Amino acid sequence: MEKIGDFSKRCEVTIKALRWYDKLGLLVPDYIDKFTGYRYYSIEKVAEMRRITELKDIGFLLKKSSSSAPPKKTATNIKLSGRNGRSLKNLRRTHHVN
């Protein structure tokens, strides 16, 4: 596993962005040290980060879920909406994105 700084360099995103994605529940660290608060990411998370970057690059925006239920730590709770208003769920359905 890599510390957040090393992971951010590998994925070419800022540490601030990774913390935001964690807050949204979109890209949750594999481990958070209880004493230091350091976030650690596995190499498998690189593919998830690339997917987020690709979706942003094609015009989807990250937004907090409007649900009143407590958020689950999955990307399905995050609304990614494009300029045409399609959600990530609809994008997955029409383009078979996992």
N, C-alpha and C. Protein backbone atom coordinates (compact mmCIF):
# COMPACT_ATOMS: atom_id res chain seq x y z
N MET A 1 0.85 -1.19 0.00
CA MET A 1 0.00 0.00 0.00
C MET A 1 0.88 1.25 0.00
N GLU A 2 0.33 2.31 -0.55
CA GLU A 2 1.06 3.57 -0.66
C GLU A 2 0.39 4.64 0.20
N LYS A 3 1.22 5.53 0.75
CA LYS A 3 0.69 6.69 1.45
C LYS A 3 0.02 7.60 0.43
N ILE A 4 -0.84 8.46 0.90
CA ILE A 4 -1.62 9.34 0.03
C ILE A 4 -0.74 10.16 -0.90
N GLY A 5 0.41 10.63 -0.42
CA GLY A 5 1.30 11.44 -1.26
C GLY A 5 1.86 10.67 -2.43
N ASP A 6 2.30 9.44 -2.17
CA ASP A 6 2.83 8.60 -3.25
C ASP A 6 1.73 8.22 -4.23
N PHE A 7 0.55 7.93 -3.70
CA PHE A 7 -0.58 7.56 -4.56
C PHE A 7 -1.00 8.74 -5.42
N SER A 8 -0.99 9.94 -4.85
CA SER A 8 -1.38 11.13 -5.63
C SER A 8 -0.41 11.37 -6.78
N LYS A 9 0.87 11.15 -6.55
CA LYS A 9 1.86 11.30 -7.62
C LYS A 9 1.65 10.25 -8.70
N ARG A 10 1.40 9.01 -8.29
CA ARG A 10 1.19 7.93 -9.26
C ARG A 10 -0.02 8.23 -10.14
N CYS A 11 -1.08 8.77 -9.54
CA CYS A 11 -2.33 9.02 -10.28
C CYS A 11 -2.41 10.43 -10.88
N GLU A 12 -1.42 11.26 -10.57
CA GLU A 12 -1.37 12.63 -11.05
C GLU A 12 -2.59 13.44 -10.64
N VAL A 13 -2.96 13.32 -9.37
CA VAL A 13 -4.02 14.13 -8.77
C VAL A 13 -3.48 14.70 -7.46
N THR A 14 -4.12 15.73 -6.98
CA THR A 14 -3.65 16.35 -5.74
C THR A 14 -4.11 15.56 -4.53
N ILE A 15 -3.39 15.74 -3.45
CA ILE A 15 -3.78 15.12 -2.18
C ILE A 15 -5.14 15.68 -1.76
N LYS A 16 -5.34 16.96 -1.99
CA LYS A 16 -6.62 17.60 -1.65
C LYS A 16 -7.77 16.91 -2.39
N ALA A 17 -7.57 16.59 -3.67
CA ALA A 17 -8.61 15.90 -4.45
C ALA A 17 -8.89 14.52 -3.87
N LEU A 18 -7.85 13.79 -3.49
CA LEU A 18 -8.04 12.46 -2.91
C LEU A 18 -8.82 12.54 -1.59
N ARG A 19 -8.52 13.54 -0.80
CA ARG A 19 -9.27 13.72 0.46
C ARG A 19 -10.74 14.03 0.16
N TRP A 20 -10.98 14.84 -0.86
CA TRP A 20 -12.35 15.18 -1.26
C TRP A 20 -13.10 13.94 -1.74
N TYR A 21 -12.44 13.13 -2.58
CA TYR A 21 -13.07 11.90 -3.07
C TYR A 21 -13.39 10.95 -1.92
N ASP A 22 -12.52 10.93 -0.91
CA ASP A 22 -12.79 10.12 0.28
C ASP A 22 -14.02 10.66 1.00
N LYS A 23 -14.07 11.97 1.18
CA LYS A 23 -15.22 12.59 1.85
C LYS A 23 -16.53 12.28 1.12
N LEU A 24 -16.49 12.28 -0.21
CA LEU A 24 -17.67 11.97 -1.00
C LEU A 24 -18.00 10.48 -0.98
N GLY A 25 -17.01 9.67 -0.60
CA GLY A 25 -17.21 8.22 -0.63
C GLY A 25 -16.94 7.63 -2.00
N LEU A 26 -16.32 8.41 -2.87
CA LEU A 26 -16.07 7.99 -4.23
C LEU A 26 -14.81 7.14 -4.36
N LEU A 27 -13.77 7.51 -3.65
CA LEU A 27 -12.51 6.75 -3.66
C LEU A 27 -12.02 6.70 -2.22
N VAL A 28 -12.38 5.65 -1.54
CA VAL A 28 -12.09 5.50 -0.12
C VAL A 28 -10.74 4.79 0.04
N PRO A 29 -9.88 5.30 0.92
CA PRO A 29 -8.60 4.63 1.16
C PRO A 29 -8.83 3.20 1.68
N ASP A 30 -7.87 2.34 1.42
CA ASP A 30 -7.96 0.97 1.92
C ASP A 30 -7.73 0.92 3.42
N TYR A 31 -6.96 1.88 3.92
CA TYR A 31 -6.64 1.88 5.35
C TYR A 31 -6.36 3.31 5.78
N ILE A 32 -6.85 3.68 6.95
CA ILE A 32 -6.52 4.97 7.57
C ILE A 32 -5.94 4.67 8.94
N ASP A 33 -4.72 5.11 9.15
CA ASP A 33 -4.05 4.89 10.43
C ASP A 33 -4.80 5.64 11.53
N LYS A 34 -5.19 4.93 12.56
CA LYS A 34 -6.00 5.53 13.64
C LYS A 34 -5.23 6.57 14.44
N PHE A 35 -3.92 6.46 14.47
CA PHE A 35 -3.12 7.38 15.28
C PHE A 35 -2.66 8.60 14.49
N THR A 36 -2.27 8.39 13.25
CA THR A 36 -1.73 9.50 12.45
C THR A 36 -2.74 10.10 11.49
N GLY A 37 -3.77 9.33 11.14
CA GLY A 37 -4.75 9.80 10.16
C GLY A 37 -4.28 9.63 8.73
N TYR A 38 -3.09 9.06 8.54
CA TYR A 38 -2.58 8.85 7.18
C TYR A 38 -3.49 7.90 6.43
N ARG A 39 -3.71 8.24 5.17
CA ARG A 39 -4.52 7.39 4.30
C ARG A 39 -3.57 6.55 3.44
N TYR A 40 -3.95 5.29 3.27
CA TYR A 40 -3.16 4.36 2.45
C TYR A 40 -4.05 3.77 1.37
N TYR A 41 -3.48 3.68 0.16
CA TYR A 41 -4.22 3.17 -0.99
C TYR A 41 -3.49 1.98 -1.59
N SER A 42 -4.25 0.98 -2.02
CA SER A 42 -3.67 -0.17 -2.70
C SER A 42 -3.51 0.15 -4.18
N ILE A 43 -2.70 -0.63 -4.84
CA ILE A 43 -2.46 -0.43 -6.28
C ILE A 43 -3.75 -0.62 -7.07
N GLU A 44 -4.69 -1.40 -6.56
CA GLU A 44 -5.97 -1.62 -7.25
C GLU A 44 -6.79 -0.33 -7.36
N LYS A 45 -6.55 0.61 -6.47
CA LYS A 45 -7.30 1.88 -6.50
C LYS A 45 -6.90 2.77 -7.67
N VAL A 46 -5.76 2.48 -8.30
CA VAL A 46 -5.31 3.29 -9.44
C VAL A 46 -6.34 3.24 -10.56
N ALA A 47 -6.88 2.05 -10.83
CA ALA A 47 -7.89 1.91 -11.89
C ALA A 47 -9.15 2.71 -11.55
N GLU A 48 -9.55 2.71 -10.29
CA GLU A 48 -10.73 3.49 -9.87
C GLU A 48 -10.46 4.99 -10.07
N MET A 49 -9.25 5.42 -9.71
CA MET A 49 -8.91 6.83 -9.88
C MET A 49 -8.90 7.21 -11.35
N ARG A 50 -8.41 6.34 -12.19
CA ARG A 50 -8.41 6.61 -13.64
C ARG A 50 -9.83 6.76 -14.16
N ARG A 51 -10.74 5.93 -13.67
CA ARG A 51 -12.15 6.00 -14.09
C ARG A 51 -12.74 7.34 -13.69
N ILE A 52 -12.47 7.79 -12.49
CA ILE A 52 -12.97 9.08 -12.02
C ILE A 52 -12.43 10.19 -12.92
N THR A 53 -11.13 10.14 -13.21
CA THR A 53 -10.50 11.15 -14.05
C THR A 53 -11.11 11.16 -15.45
N GLU A 54 -11.32 9.98 -16.01
CA GLU A 54 -11.91 9.89 -17.34
C GLU A 54 -13.32 10.47 -17.37
N LEU A 55 -14.11 10.17 -16.37
CA LEU A 55 -15.47 10.70 -16.32
C LEU A 55 -15.47 12.23 -16.19
N LYS A 56 -14.56 12.74 -15.37
CA LYS A 56 -14.44 14.20 -15.26
C LYS A 56 -14.00 14.81 -16.59
N ASP A 57 -13.08 14.13 -17.28
CA ASP A 57 -12.57 14.65 -18.55
C ASP A 57 -13.64 14.73 -19.64
N ILE A 58 -14.65 13.86 -19.56
CA ILE A 58 -15.71 13.90 -20.58
C ILE A 58 -16.89 14.76 -20.14
N GLY A 59 -16.72 15.48 -19.02
CA GLY A 59 -17.73 16.48 -18.65
C GLY A 59 -18.63 16.13 -17.49
N PHE A 60 -18.37 15.04 -16.81
CA PHE A 60 -19.19 14.72 -15.65
C PHE A 60 -18.67 15.47 -14.43
N LEU A 61 -19.59 15.90 -13.58
CA LEU A 61 -19.25 16.66 -12.39
C LEU A 61 -19.50 15.81 -11.15
N LEU A 62 -18.66 15.99 -10.14
CA LEU A 62 -18.83 15.28 -8.89
C LEU A 62 -19.73 16.08 -7.97
N LYS A 63 -20.73 15.44 -7.43
CA LYS A 63 -21.65 16.10 -6.51
C LYS A 63 -21.96 15.15 -5.38
N LYS A 64 -22.24 15.73 -4.22
CA LYS A 64 -22.69 14.90 -3.11
C LYS A 64 -24.07 14.36 -3.41
N SER A 65 -24.34 13.20 -2.89
CA SER A 65 -25.66 12.60 -3.06
C SER A 65 -26.69 13.44 -2.31
N SER A 66 -27.87 13.57 -2.89
CA SER A 66 -28.93 14.35 -2.24
C SER A 66 -29.77 13.49 -1.32
N SER A 67 -29.42 12.22 -1.19
CA SER A 67 -30.16 11.29 -0.35
C SER A 67 -30.03 11.68 1.12
N SER A 68 -31.10 11.48 1.90
CA SER A 68 -31.05 11.76 3.32
C SER A 68 -30.52 10.57 4.10
N ALA A 69 -30.40 9.42 3.46
CA ALA A 69 -29.86 8.23 4.12
C ALA A 69 -28.36 8.40 4.31
N PRO A 70 -27.80 7.76 5.34
CA PRO A 70 -26.35 7.86 5.53
C PRO A 70 -25.62 7.29 4.31
N PRO A 71 -24.55 7.96 3.86
CA PRO A 71 -23.88 7.52 2.64
C PRO A 71 -23.14 6.21 2.83
N LYS A 72 -23.21 5.38 1.82
CA LYS A 72 -22.40 4.17 1.77
C LYS A 72 -21.09 4.55 1.11
N LYS A 73 -20.07 3.78 1.34
CA LYS A 73 -18.76 4.07 0.77
C LYS A 73 -18.63 3.45 -0.61
N THR A 74 -19.52 3.83 -1.52
CA THR A 74 -19.45 3.34 -2.89
C THR A 74 -19.68 4.48 -3.86
N ALA A 75 -19.22 4.29 -5.07
CA ALA A 75 -19.40 5.33 -6.10
C ALA A 75 -20.85 5.46 -6.52
N THR A 76 -21.69 4.47 -6.23
CA THR A 76 -23.08 4.55 -6.66
C THR A 76 -23.85 5.61 -5.89
N ASN A 77 -23.35 6.03 -4.73
CA ASN A 77 -24.02 7.07 -3.96
C ASN A 77 -23.66 8.47 -4.42
N ILE A 78 -22.67 8.58 -5.28
CA ILE A 78 -22.24 9.88 -5.76
C ILE A 78 -22.89 10.14 -7.10
N LYS A 79 -23.46 11.31 -7.23
CA LYS A 79 -24.09 11.67 -8.49
C LYS A 79 -23.04 12.32 -9.37
N LEU A 80 -22.77 11.70 -10.48
CA LEU A 80 -21.90 12.28 -11.49
C LEU A 80 -22.82 12.72 -12.61
N SER A 81 -22.97 14.02 -12.78
CA SER A 81 -23.91 14.46 -13.80
C SER A 81 -23.19 15.25 -14.87
N GLY A 82 -23.51 14.93 -16.09
CA GLY A 82 -22.91 15.61 -17.23
C GLY A 82 -23.72 16.83 -17.62
N ARG A 83 -23.25 17.50 -18.62
CA ARG A 83 -23.92 18.71 -19.08
C ARG A 83 -25.34 18.42 -19.55
N ASN A 84 -25.55 17.21 -20.03
CA ASN A 84 -26.89 16.86 -20.51
C ASN A 84 -27.76 16.26 -19.41
N GLY A 85 -27.23 16.23 -18.16
CA GLY A 85 -28.03 15.78 -17.03
C GLY A 85 -28.05 14.29 -16.79
N ARG A 86 -27.31 13.52 -17.60
CA ARG A 86 -27.29 12.08 -17.38
C ARG A 86 -26.49 11.75 -16.14
N SER A 87 -26.95 10.80 -15.39
CA SER A 87 -26.23 10.39 -14.19
C SER A 87 -25.27 9.27 -14.54
N LEU A 88 -24.36 8.97 -13.61
CA LEU A 88 -23.43 7.86 -13.80
C LEU A 88 -24.20 6.56 -13.96
N LYS A 89 -25.30 6.41 -13.23
CA LYS A 89 -26.10 5.20 -13.34
C LYS A 89 -26.61 5.01 -14.77
N ASN A 90 -27.09 6.09 -15.37
CA ASN A 90 -27.55 6.02 -16.76
C ASN A 90 -26.39 5.76 -17.71
N LEU A 91 -25.25 6.37 -17.43
CA LEU A 91 -24.07 6.16 -18.26
C LEU A 91 -23.65 4.70 -18.20
N ARG A 92 -23.67 4.13 -17.02
CA ARG A 92 -23.32 2.72 -16.87
C ARG A 92 -24.27 1.86 -17.67
N ARG A 93 -25.54 2.18 -17.60
CA ARG A 93 -26.55 1.39 -18.29
C ARG A 93 -26.37 1.45 -19.81
N THR A 94 -26.06 2.63 -20.33
CA THR A 94 -25.99 2.78 -21.77
C THR A 94 -24.61 2.44 -22.34
N HIS A 95 -23.56 2.57 -21.53
CA HIS A 95 -22.21 2.34 -22.04
C HIS A 95 -21.50 1.19 -21.34
N HIS A 96 -22.18 0.49 -20.47
CA HIS A 96 -21.64 -0.66 -19.75
C HIS A 96 -20.36 -0.33 -19.00
N VAL A 97 -20.35 0.81 -18.30
CA VAL A 97 -19.22 1.19 -17.46
C VAL A 97 -19.40 0.50 -16.13
N ASN A 98 -18.37 -0.13 -15.61
CA ASN A 98 -18.46 -0.81 -14.31
C ASN A 98 -18.16 0.13 -13.18
